[in-house]
Amino acid sequence: MDEVFQQFQTWFLSKKAKWDTLGIQVDKAGLSEFGHQYWIKMHSDQGLGNIVLYESNGYYWVDFEGGNYDYDVMFQRSGITFQNIDELDCYEKDFIDHITWKG
């Protein structure tokens, strides 16, 4: 696992305890079997989604995708590039708000 994937994993693990308190369960997380992707698949009573870090030829980007059972709009932020992994925090907050929103 390269340095950026390790940073992403550390970032994810630092969020997991907070997600647990919000009723979010992580169904699966880790590198894809073919590499070049780190998936975090999760759900709550109100919705589900995933956060994915992709890599191709040394270029990295993140996608956030989620749905809420009571809200007919998908949360989708894709192609997010970053210099520092903590730049993802604002997207993560909006994503978590979306999949846990109670209508």
PDB file of N, CA and C in Angstrom:
ATOM      1  N   MET A   1       0.857  -1.171   0.000  1.00  0.00           N
ATOM      2  CA  MET A   1       0.000   0.000   0.000  1.00  0.00           C
ATOM      3  C   MET A   1       0.901   1.231   0.000  1.00  0.00           C
ATOM      4  N   ASP A   2       0.670   2.135  -0.957  1.00  0.00           N
ATOM      5  CA  ASP A   2       1.524   3.317  -1.025  1.00  0.00           C
ATOM      6  C   ASP A   2       1.119   4.357   0.024  1.00  0.00           C
ATOM      7  N   GLU A   3       1.878   5.438   0.089  1.00  0.00           N
ATOM      8  CA  GLU A   3       1.707   6.435   1.142  1.00  0.00           C
ATOM      9  C   GLU A   3       0.328   7.106   1.111  1.00  0.00           C
ATOM     10  N   VAL A   4      -0.180   7.445  -0.058  1.00  0.00           N
ATOM     11  CA  VAL A   4      -1.480   8.122  -0.138  1.00  0.00           C
ATOM     12  C   VAL A   4      -2.601   7.182   0.318  1.00  0.00           C
ATOM     13  N   PHE A   5      -2.541   5.921  -0.079  1.00  0.00           N
ATOM     14  CA  PHE A   5      -3.546   4.957   0.386  1.00  0.00           C
ATOM     15  C   PHE A   5      -3.448   4.768   1.895  1.00  0.00           C
ATOM     16  N   GLN A   6      -2.237   4.757   2.433  1.00  0.00           N
ATOM     17  CA  GLN A   6      -2.070   4.646   3.889  1.00  0.00           C
ATOM     18  C   GLN A   6      -2.660   5.865   4.597  1.00  0.00           C
ATOM     19  N   GLN A   7      -2.435   7.069   4.044  1.00  0.00           N
ATOM     20  CA  GLN A   7      -3.023   8.283   4.628  1.00  0.00           C
ATOM     21  C   GLN A   7      -4.548   8.221   4.584  1.00  0.00           C
ATOM     22  N   PHE A   8      -5.094   7.715   3.482  1.00  0.00           N
ATOM     23  CA  PHE A   8      -6.539   7.597   3.349  1.00  0.00           C
ATOM     24  C   PHE A   8      -7.098   6.616   4.369  1.00  0.00           C
ATOM     25  N   GLN A   9      -6.408   5.508   4.554  1.00  0.00           N
ATOM     26  CA  GLN A   9      -6.844   4.522   5.551  1.00  0.00           C
ATOM     27  C   GLN A   9      -6.800   5.119   6.945  1.00  0.00           C
ATOM     28  N   THR A  10      -5.747   5.849   7.268  1.00  0.00           N
ATOM     29  CA  THR A  10      -5.631   6.500   8.573  1.00  0.00           C
ATOM     30  C   THR A  10      -6.739   7.526   8.762  1.00  0.00           C
ATOM     31  N   TRP A  11      -7.030   8.301   7.709  1.00  0.00           N
ATOM     32  CA  TRP A  11      -8.117   9.286   7.747  1.00  0.00           C
ATOM     33  C   TRP A  11      -9.442   8.585   8.028  1.00  0.00           C
ATOM     34  N   PHE A  12      -9.720   7.512   7.294  1.00  0.00           N
ATOM     35  CA  PHE A  12     -10.945   6.729   7.486  1.00  0.00           C
ATOM     36  C   PHE A  12     -11.051   6.205   8.914  1.00  0.00           C
ATOM     37  N   LEU A  13     -10.000   5.605   9.414  1.00  0.00           N
ATOM     38  CA  LEU A  13     -10.038   5.038  10.763  1.00  0.00           C
ATOM     39  C   LEU A  13     -10.237   6.113  11.824  1.00  0.00           C
ATOM     40  N   SER A  14      -9.747   7.335  11.563  1.00  0.00           N
ATOM     41  CA  SER A  14      -9.941   8.433  12.514  1.00  0.00           C
ATOM     42  C   SER A  14     -11.402   8.896  12.535  1.00  0.00           C
ATOM     43  N   LYS A  15     -12.159   8.625  11.493  1.00  0.00           N
ATOM     44  CA  LYS A  15     -13.569   9.014  11.398  1.00  0.00           C
ATOM     45  C   LYS A  15     -14.507   7.936  11.914  1.00  0.00           C
ATOM     46  N   LYS A  16     -14.068   6.705  11.933  1.00  0.00           N
ATOM     47  CA  LYS A  16     -14.955   5.569  12.189  1.00  0.00           C
ATOM     48  C   LYS A  16     -15.668   5.644  13.539  1.00  0.00           C
ATOM     49  N   ALA A  17     -14.995   6.047  14.598  1.00  0.00           N
ATOM     50  CA  ALA A  17     -15.641   6.129  15.919  1.00  0.00           C
ATOM     51  C   ALA A  17     -16.784   7.139  15.903  1.00  0.00           C
ATOM     52  N   LYS A  18     -16.587   8.280  15.244  1.00  0.00           N
ATOM     53  CA  LYS A  18     -17.653   9.281  15.139  1.00  0.00           C
ATOM     54  C   LYS A  18     -18.819   8.710  14.336  1.00  0.00           C
ATOM     55  N   TRP A  19     -18.510   8.021  13.250  1.00  0.00           N
ATOM     56  CA  TRP A  19     -19.565   7.427  12.428  1.00  0.00           C
ATOM     57  C   TRP A  19     -20.378   6.421  13.243  1.00  0.00           C
ATOM     58  N   ASP A  20     -19.697   5.632  14.059  1.00  0.00           N
ATOM     59  CA  ASP A  20     -20.387   4.655  14.907  1.00  0.00           C
ATOM     60  C   ASP A  20     -21.417   5.346  15.806  1.00  0.00           C
ATOM     61  N   THR A  21     -21.053   6.492  16.375  1.00  0.00           N
ATOM     62  CA  THR A  21     -21.974   7.199  17.271  1.00  0.00           C
ATOM     63  C   THR A  21     -23.169   7.772  16.513  1.00  0.00           C
ATOM     64  N   LEU A  22     -23.026   7.957  15.200  1.00  0.00           N
ATOM     65  CA  LEU A  22     -24.116   8.476  14.372  1.00  0.00           C
ATOM     66  C   LEU A  22     -24.972   7.356  13.775  1.00  0.00           C
ATOM     67  N   GLY A  23     -24.657   6.119  14.146  1.00  0.00           N
ATOM     68  CA  GLY A  23     -25.425   4.983  13.645  1.00  0.00           C
ATOM     69  C   GLY A  23     -25.010   4.514  12.259  1.00  0.00           C
ATOM     70  N   ILE A  24     -23.815   4.853  11.863  1.00  0.00           N
ATOM     71  CA  ILE A  24     -23.313   4.433  10.552  1.00  0.00           C
ATOM     72  C   ILE A  24     -22.469   3.179  10.729  1.00  0.00           C
ATOM     73  N   GLN A  25     -22.785   2.171   9.951  1.00  0.00           N
ATOM     74  CA  GLN A  25     -22.016   0.931   9.983  1.00  0.00           C
ATOM     75  C   GLN A  25     -21.188   0.824   8.706  1.00  0.00           C
ATOM     76  N   VAL A  26     -19.918   0.536   8.880  1.00  0.00           N
ATOM     77  CA  VAL A  26     -19.046   0.310   7.727  1.00  0.00           C
ATOM     78  C   VAL A  26     -19.180  -1.159   7.348  1.00  0.00           C
ATOM     79  N   ASP A  27     -19.659  -1.390   6.135  1.00  0.00           N
ATOM     80  CA  ASP A  27     -19.870  -2.753   5.660  1.00  0.00           C
ATOM     81  C   ASP A  27     -18.585  -3.390   5.165  1.00  0.00           C
ATOM     82  N   LYS A  28     -17.757  -2.598   4.523  1.00  0.00           N
ATOM     83  CA  LYS A  28     -16.507  -3.117   3.977  1.00  0.00           C
ATOM     84  C   LYS A  28     -15.591  -1.947   3.697  1.00  0.00           C
ATOM     85  N   ALA A  29     -14.313  -2.128   3.974  1.00  0.00           N
ATOM     86  CA  ALA A  29     -13.327  -1.093   3.682  1.00  0.00           C
ATOM     87  C   ALA A  29     -12.004  -1.756   3.358  1.00  0.00           C
ATOM     88  N   GLY A  30     -11.289  -1.195   2.416  1.00  0.00           N
ATOM     89  CA  GLY A  30      -9.965  -1.699   2.081  1.00  0.00           C
ATOM     90  C   GLY A  30      -9.662  -1.545   0.608  1.00  0.00           C
ATOM     91  N   LEU A  31      -8.453  -1.957   0.264  1.00  0.00           N
ATOM     92  CA  LEU A  31      -8.024  -1.924  -1.129  1.00  0.00           C
ATOM     93  C   LEU A  31      -8.835  -2.919  -1.950  1.00  0.00           C
ATOM     94  N   SER A  32      -9.138  -2.538  -3.167  1.00  0.00           N
ATOM     95  CA  SER A  32      -9.807  -3.485  -4.062  1.00  0.00           C
ATOM     96  C   SER A  32      -8.829  -4.611  -4.378  1.00  0.00           C
ATOM     97  N   GLU A  33      -9.355  -5.726  -4.818  1.00  0.00           N
ATOM     98  CA  GLU A  33      -8.486  -6.870  -5.097  1.00  0.00           C
ATOM     99  C   GLU A  33      -7.489  -6.592  -6.214  1.00  0.00           C
ATOM    100  N   PHE A  34      -7.789  -5.615  -7.058  1.00  0.00           N
ATOM    101  CA  PHE A  34      -6.893  -5.285  -8.158  1.00  0.00           C
ATOM    102  C   PHE A  34      -6.019  -4.077  -7.860  1.00  0.00           C
ATOM    103  N   GLY A  35      -6.145  -3.522  -6.657  1.00  0.00           N
ATOM    104  CA  GLY A  35      -5.367  -2.343  -6.286  1.00  0.00           C
ATOM    105  C   GLY A  35      -5.906  -1.097  -6.953  1.00  0.00           C
ATOM    106  N   HIS A  36      -5.242  -0.010  -6.767  1.00  0.00           N
ATOM    107  CA  HIS A  36      -5.573   1.278  -7.378  1.00  0.00           C
ATOM    108  C   HIS A  36      -6.877   1.887  -6.867  1.00  0.00           C
ATOM    109  N   GLN A  37      -7.559   1.231  -5.918  1.00  0.00           N
ATOM    110  CA  GLN A  37      -8.792   1.762  -5.344  1.00  0.00           C
ATOM    111  C   GLN A  37      -8.878   1.349  -3.874  1.00  0.00           C
ATOM    112  N   TYR A  38      -9.328   2.281  -3.039  1.00  0.00           N
ATOM    113  CA  TYR A  38      -9.617   1.974  -1.639  1.00  0.00           C
ATOM    114  C   TYR A  38     -11.076   2.352  -1.413  1.00  0.00           C
ATOM    115  N   TRP A  39     -11.900   1.378  -1.105  1.00  0.00           N
ATOM    116  CA  TRP A  39     -13.338   1.553  -0.943  1.00  0.00           C
ATOM    117  C   TRP A  39     -13.729   1.588   0.519  1.00  0.00           C
ATOM    118  N   ILE A  40     -14.673   2.461   0.847  1.00  0.00           N
ATOM    119  CA  ILE A  40     -15.333   2.448   2.149  1.00  0.00           C
ATOM    120  C   ILE A  40     -16.829   2.386   1.847  1.00  0.00           C
ATOM    121  N   LYS A  41     -17.444   1.242   2.120  1.00  0.00           N
ATOM    122  CA  LYS A  41     -18.874   1.060   1.875  1.00  0.00           C
ATOM    123  C   LYS A  41     -19.582   1.072   3.222  1.00  0.00           C
ATOM    124  N   MET A  42     -20.666   1.872   3.331  1.00  0.00           N
ATOM    125  CA  MET A  42     -21.320   2.048   4.622  1.00  0.00           C
ATOM    126  C   MET A  42     -22.818   2.236   4.460  1.00  0.00           C
ATOM    127  N   HIS A  43     -23.516   2.108   5.598  1.00  0.00           N
ATOM    128  CA  HIS A  43     -24.958   2.373   5.598  1.00  0.00           C
ATOM    129  C   HIS A  43     -25.399   2.836   6.981  1.00  0.00           C
ATOM    130  N   SER A  44     -26.555   3.492   6.998  1.00  0.00           N
ATOM    131  CA  SER A  44     -27.212   3.875   8.243  1.00  0.00           C
ATOM    132  C   SER A  44     -28.685   3.490   8.096  1.00  0.00           C
ATOM    133  N   ASP A  45     -29.480   3.760   9.104  1.00  0.00           N
ATOM    134  CA  ASP A  45     -30.912   3.480   8.996  1.00  0.00           C
ATOM    135  C   ASP A  45     -31.579   4.366   7.945  1.00  0.00           C
ATOM    136  N   GLN A  46     -30.966   5.507   7.644  1.00  0.00           N
ATOM    137  CA  GLN A  46     -31.556   6.455   6.714  1.00  0.00           C
ATOM    138  C   GLN A  46     -30.994   6.364   5.284  1.00  0.00           C
ATOM    139  N   GLY A  47     -29.827   5.763   5.099  1.00  0.00           N
ATOM    140  CA  GLY A  47     -29.238   5.749   3.769  1.00  0.00           C
ATOM    141  C   GLY A  47     -27.978   4.908   3.687  1.00  0.00           C
ATOM    142  N   LEU A  48     -27.330   5.007   2.552  1.00  0.00           N
ATOM    143  CA  LEU A  48     -26.110   4.254   2.328  1.00  0.00           C
ATOM    144  C   LEU A  48     -25.218   5.001   1.356  1.00  0.00           C
ATOM    145  N   GLY A  49     -23.978   4.580   1.283  1.00  0.00           N
ATOM    146  CA  GLY A  49     -23.067   5.234   0.355  1.00  0.00           C
ATOM    147  C   GLY A  49     -21.686   4.642   0.398  1.00  0.00           C
ATOM    148  N   ASN A  50     -20.804   5.272  -0.365  1.00  0.00           N
ATOM    149  CA  ASN A  50     -19.414   4.849  -0.360  1.00  0.00           C
ATOM    150  C   ASN A  50     -18.507   6.035  -0.634  1.00  0.00           C
ATOM    151  N   ILE A  51     -17.299   5.881  -0.150  1.00  0.00           N
ATOM    152  CA  ILE A  51     -16.224   6.844  -0.388  1.00  0.00           C
ATOM    153  C   ILE A  51     -15.100   6.028  -1.013  1.00  0.00           C
ATOM    154  N   VAL A  52     -14.563   6.509  -2.121  1.00  0.00           N
ATOM    155  CA  VAL A  52     -13.547   5.741  -2.837  1.00  0.00           C
ATOM    156  C   VAL A  52     -12.370   6.636  -3.206  1.00  0.00           C
ATOM    157  N   LEU A  53     -11.175   6.161  -2.903  1.00  0.00           N
ATOM    158  CA  LEU A  53      -9.934   6.787  -3.374  1.00  0.00           C
ATOM    159  C   LEU A  53      -9.447   5.983  -4.564  1.00  0.00           C
ATOM    160  N   TYR A  54      -9.218   6.675  -5.676  1.00  0.00           N
ATOM    161  CA  TYR A  54      -8.708   6.042  -6.897  1.00  0.00           C
ATOM    162  C   TYR A  54      -7.294   6.530  -7.173  1.00  0.00           C
ATOM    163  N   GLU A  55      -6.537   5.694  -7.886  1.00  0.00           N
ATOM    164  CA  GLU A  55      -5.195   6.072  -8.324  1.00  0.00           C
ATOM    165  C   GLU A  55      -4.983   5.559  -9.731  1.00  0.00           C
ATOM    166  N   SER A  56      -4.402   6.403 -10.568  1.00  0.00           N
ATOM    167  CA  SER A  56      -4.000   5.987 -11.907  1.00  0.00           C
ATOM    168  C   SER A  56      -2.755   6.764 -12.297  1.00  0.00           C
ATOM    169  N   ASN A  57      -1.687   6.042 -12.533  1.00  0.00           N
ATOM    170  CA  ASN A  57      -0.423   6.651 -12.966  1.00  0.00           C
ATOM    171  C   ASN A  57       0.039   7.779 -12.042  1.00  0.00           C
ATOM    172  N   GLY A  58      -0.117   7.566 -10.745  1.00  0.00           N
ATOM    173  CA  GLY A  58       0.333   8.548  -9.767  1.00  0.00           C
ATOM    174  C   GLY A  58      -0.618   9.704  -9.545  1.00  0.00           C
ATOM    175  N   TYR A  59      -1.779   9.675 -10.149  1.00  0.00           N
ATOM    176  CA  TYR A  59      -2.806  10.704  -9.983  1.00  0.00           C
ATOM    177  C   TYR A  59      -3.887  10.129  -9.074  1.00  0.00           C
ATOM    178  N   TYR A  60      -4.275  10.873  -8.033  1.00  0.00           N
ATOM    179  CA  TYR A  60      -5.243  10.404  -7.040  1.00  0.00           C
ATOM    180  C   TYR A  60      -6.469  11.295  -7.018  1.00  0.00           C
ATOM    181  N   TRP A  61      -7.649  10.701  -6.828  1.00  0.00           N
ATOM    182  CA  TRP A  61      -8.879  11.458  -6.653  1.00  0.00           C
ATOM    183  C   TRP A  61      -9.850  10.642  -5.818  1.00  0.00           C
ATOM    184  N   VAL A  62     -10.832  11.344  -5.237  1.00  0.00           N
ATOM    185  CA  VAL A  62     -11.805  10.718  -4.338  1.00  0.00           C
ATOM    186  C   VAL A  62     -13.214  11.022  -4.837  1.00  0.00           C
ATOM    187  N   ASP A  63     -14.082  10.026  -4.714  1.00  0.00           N
ATOM    188  CA  ASP A  63     -15.508  10.183  -5.003  1.00  0.00           C
ATOM    189  C   ASP A  63     -16.309   9.881  -3.741  1.00  0.00           C
ATOM    190  N   PHE A  64     -17.324  10.695  -3.482  1.00  0.00           N
ATOM    191  CA  PHE A  64     -18.305  10.457  -2.426  1.00  0.00           C
ATOM    192  C   PHE A  64     -19.647  10.256  -3.116  1.00  0.00           C
ATOM    193  N   GLU A  65     -20.319   9.161  -2.838  1.00  0.00           N
ATOM    194  CA  GLU A  65     -21.640   8.895  -3.400  1.00  0.00           C
ATOM    195  C   GLU A  65     -22.537   8.339  -2.305  1.00  0.00           C
ATOM    196  N   GLY A  66     -23.742   8.883  -2.176  1.00  0.00           N
ATOM    197  CA  GLY A  66     -24.636   8.385  -1.143  1.00  0.00           C
ATOM    198  C   GLY A  66     -26.087   8.693  -1.453  1.00  0.00           C
ATOM    199  N   GLY A  67     -26.943   7.893  -0.874  1.00  0.00           N
ATOM    200  CA  GLY A  67     -28.374   8.089  -1.018  1.00  0.00           C
ATOM    201  C   GLY A  67     -29.045   8.054   0.335  1.00  0.00           C
ATOM    202  N   ASN A  68     -30.190   8.726   0.418  1.00  0.00           N
ATOM    203  CA  ASN A  68     -30.990   8.736   1.625  1.00  0.00           C
ATOM    204  C   ASN A  68     -32.366   8.203   1.263  1.00  0.00           C
ATOM    205  N   TYR A  69     -32.870   7.274   2.045  1.00  0.00           N
ATOM    206  CA  TYR A  69     -34.140   6.623   1.748  1.00  0.00           C
ATOM    207  C   TYR A  69     -35.323   7.596   1.747  1.00  0.00           C
ATOM    208  N   ASP A  70     -35.210   8.711   2.488  1.00  0.00           N
ATOM    209  CA  ASP A  70     -36.311   9.672   2.599  1.00  0.00           C
ATOM    210  C   ASP A  70     -36.116  10.915   1.734  1.00  0.00           C
ATOM    211  N   TYR A  71     -35.063  10.946   0.942  1.00  0.00           N
ATOM    212  CA  TYR A  71     -34.732  12.135   0.168  1.00  0.00           C
ATOM    213  C   TYR A  71     -34.377  11.685  -1.235  1.00  0.00           C
ATOM    214  N   ASP A  72     -35.035  12.220  -2.213  1.00  0.00           N
ATOM    215  CA  ASP A  72     -34.935  11.719  -3.585  1.00  0.00           C
ATOM    216  C   ASP A  72     -33.785  12.338  -4.384  1.00  0.00           C
ATOM    217  N   VAL A  73     -32.708  12.677  -3.718  1.00  0.00           N
ATOM    218  CA  VAL A  73     -31.557  13.277  -4.381  1.00  0.00           C
ATOM    219  C   VAL A  73     -30.298  12.528  -3.944  1.00  0.00           C
ATOM    220  N   MET A  74     -29.491  12.139  -4.913  1.00  0.00           N
ATOM    221  CA  MET A  74     -28.222  11.478  -4.608  1.00  0.00           C
ATOM    222  C   MET A  74     -27.182  12.513  -4.206  1.00  0.00           C
ATOM    223  N   PHE A  75     -26.346  12.159  -3.239  1.00  0.00           N
ATOM    224  CA  PHE A  75     -25.184  12.967  -2.913  1.00  0.00           C
ATOM    225  C   PHE A  75     -24.053  12.442  -3.775  1.00  0.00           C
ATOM    226  N   GLN A  76     -23.486  13.306  -4.595  1.00  0.00           N
ATOM    227  CA  GLN A  76     -22.403  12.859  -5.464  1.00  0.00           C
ATOM    228  C   GLN A  76     -21.397  13.986  -5.643  1.00  0.00           C
ATOM    229  N   ARG A  77     -20.215  13.744  -5.144  1.00  0.00           N
ATOM    230  CA  ARG A  77     -19.085  14.642  -5.346  1.00  0.00           C
ATOM    231  C   ARG A  77     -17.973  13.768  -5.892  1.00  0.00           C
ATOM    232  N   SER A  78     -17.538  14.043  -7.087  1.00  0.00           N
ATOM    233  CA  SER A  78     -16.562  13.143  -7.705  1.00  0.00           C
ATOM    234  C   SER A  78     -15.387  13.914  -8.281  1.00  0.00           C
ATOM    235  N   GLY A  79     -14.306  13.192  -8.453  1.00  0.00           N
ATOM    236  CA  GLY A  79     -13.103  13.774  -9.033  1.00  0.00           C
ATOM    237  C   GLY A  79     -12.398  14.749  -8.114  1.00  0.00           C
ATOM    238  N   ILE A  80     -12.529  14.556  -6.811  1.00  0.00           N
ATOM    239  CA  ILE A  80     -11.942  15.479  -5.840  1.00  0.00           C
ATOM    240  C   ILE A  80     -10.450  15.199  -5.705  1.00  0.00           C
ATOM    241  N   THR A  81      -9.655  16.182  -6.037  1.00  0.00           N
ATOM    242  CA  THR A  81      -8.212  16.072  -5.835  1.00  0.00           C
ATOM    243  C   THR A  81      -7.853  16.835  -4.566  1.00  0.00           C
ATOM    244  N   PHE A  82      -6.710  16.525  -3.995  1.00  0.00           N
ATOM    245  CA  PHE A  82      -6.339  17.135  -2.725  1.00  0.00           C
ATOM    246  C   PHE A  82      -4.822  17.150  -2.578  1.00  0.00           C
ATOM    247  N   GLN A  83      -4.350  18.113  -1.817  1.00  0.00           N
ATOM    248  CA  GLN A  83      -2.938  18.186  -1.453  1.00  0.00           C
ATOM    249  C   GLN A  83      -2.708  17.556  -0.085  1.00  0.00           C
ATOM    250  N   ASN A  84      -3.710  17.753   0.792  1.00  0.00           N
ATOM    251  CA  ASN A  84      -3.647  17.242   2.162  1.00  0.00           C
ATOM    252  C   ASN A  84      -4.919  16.438   2.402  1.00  0.00           C
ATOM    253  N   ILE A  85      -4.792  15.270   2.977  1.00  0.00           N
ATOM    254  CA  ILE A  85      -5.936  14.373   3.165  1.00  0.00           C
ATOM    255  C   ILE A  85      -7.050  15.032   3.985  1.00  0.00           C
ATOM    256  N   ASP A  86      -6.698  15.961   4.875  1.00  0.00           N
ATOM    257  CA  ASP A  86      -7.705  16.624   5.700  1.00  0.00           C
ATOM    258  C   ASP A  86      -8.624  17.537   4.885  1.00  0.00           C
ATOM    259  N   GLU A  87      -8.266  17.835   3.642  1.00  0.00           N
ATOM    260  CA  GLU A  87      -9.136  18.623   2.767  1.00  0.00           C
ATOM    261  C   GLU A  87     -10.436  17.872   2.464  1.00  0.00           C
ATOM    262  N   LEU A  88     -10.463  16.575   2.711  1.00  0.00           N
ATOM    263  CA  LEU A  88     -11.658  15.776   2.462  1.00  0.00           C
ATOM    264  C   LEU A  88     -12.711  15.941   3.559  1.00  0.00           C
ATOM    265  N   ASP A  89     -12.341  16.541   4.679  1.00  0.00           N
ATOM    266  CA  ASP A  89     -13.252  16.642   5.823  1.00  0.00           C
ATOM    267  C   ASP A  89     -14.557  17.359   5.496  1.00  0.00           C
ATOM    268  N   CYS A  90     -14.509  18.425   4.706  1.00  0.00           N
ATOM    269  CA  CYS A  90     -15.748  19.160   4.406  1.00  0.00           C
ATOM    270  C   CYS A  90     -16.687  18.312   3.548  1.00  0.00           C
ATOM    271  N   TYR A  91     -16.134  17.515   2.635  1.00  0.00           N
ATOM    272  CA  TYR A  91     -16.963  16.624   1.824  1.00  0.00           C
ATOM    273  C   TYR A  91     -17.540  15.502   2.678  1.00  0.00           C
ATOM    274  N   GLU A  92     -16.717  14.984   3.575  1.00  0.00           N
ATOM    275  CA  GLU A  92     -17.155  13.904   4.465  1.00  0.00           C
ATOM    276  C   GLU A  92     -18.298  14.362   5.340  1.00  0.00           C
ATOM    277  N   LYS A  93     -18.227  15.574   5.872  1.00  0.00           N
ATOM    278  CA  LYS A  93     -19.301  16.093   6.727  1.00  0.00           C
ATOM    279  C   LYS A  93     -20.620  16.164   5.952  1.00  0.00           C
ATOM    280  N   ASP A  94     -20.582  16.745   4.749  1.00  0.00           N
ATOM    281  CA  ASP A  94     -21.803  16.856   3.938  1.00  0.00           C
ATOM    282  C   ASP A  94     -22.342  15.477   3.559  1.00  0.00           C
ATOM    283  N   PHE A  95     -21.454  14.561   3.235  1.00  0.00           N
ATOM    284  CA  PHE A  95     -21.834  13.195   2.875  1.00  0.00           C
ATOM    285  C   PHE A  95     -22.522  12.501   4.049  1.00  0.00           C
ATOM    286  N   ILE A  96     -21.936  12.577   5.234  1.00  0.00           N
ATOM    287  CA  ILE A  96     -22.498  11.949   6.424  1.00  0.00           C
ATOM    288  C   ILE A  96     -23.840  12.583   6.775  1.00  0.00           C
ATOM    289  N   ASP A  97     -23.935  13.908   6.678  1.00  0.00           N
ATOM    290  CA  ASP A  97     -25.211  14.581   6.918  1.00  0.00           C
ATOM    291  C   ASP A  97     -26.289  14.041   5.969  1.00  0.00           C
ATOM    292  N   HIS A  98     -25.921  13.801   4.725  1.00  0.00           N
ATOM    293  CA  HIS A  98     -26.891  13.340   3.725  1.00  0.00           C
ATOM    294  C   HIS A  98     -27.391  11.927   4.030  1.00  0.00           C
ATOM    295  N   ILE A  99     -26.481  11.006   4.326  1.00  0.00           N
ATOM    296  CA  ILE A  99     -26.925   9.620   4.518  1.00  0.00           C
ATOM    297  C   ILE A  99     -27.549   9.360   5.880  1.00  0.00           C
ATOM    298  N   THR A 100     -27.473  10.347   6.780  1.00  0.00           N
ATOM    299  CA  THR A 100     -28.104  10.184   8.103  1.00  0.00           C
ATOM    300  C   THR A 100     -29.285  11.129   8.313  1.00  0.00           C
ATOM    301  N   TRP A 101     -29.601  11.949   7.318  1.00  0.00           N
ATOM    302  CA  TRP A 101     -30.695  12.925   7.430  1.00  0.00           C
ATOM    303  C   TRP A 101     -32.030  12.210   7.644  1.00  0.00           C
ATOM    304  N   LYS A 102     -32.779  12.671   8.629  1.00  0.00           N
ATOM    305  CA  LYS A 102     -34.092  12.101   8.920  1.00  0.00           C
ATOM    306  C   LYS A 102     -35.145  13.081   8.449  1.00  0.00           C
ATOM    307  N   GLY A 103     -35.924  12.675   7.448  1.00  0.00           N
ATOM    308  CA  GLY A 103     -36.910  13.561   6.827  1.00  0.00           C
ATOM    309  C   GLY A 103     -38.163  13.781   7.613  1.00  0.00           C
TER     310      GLY A 103
END
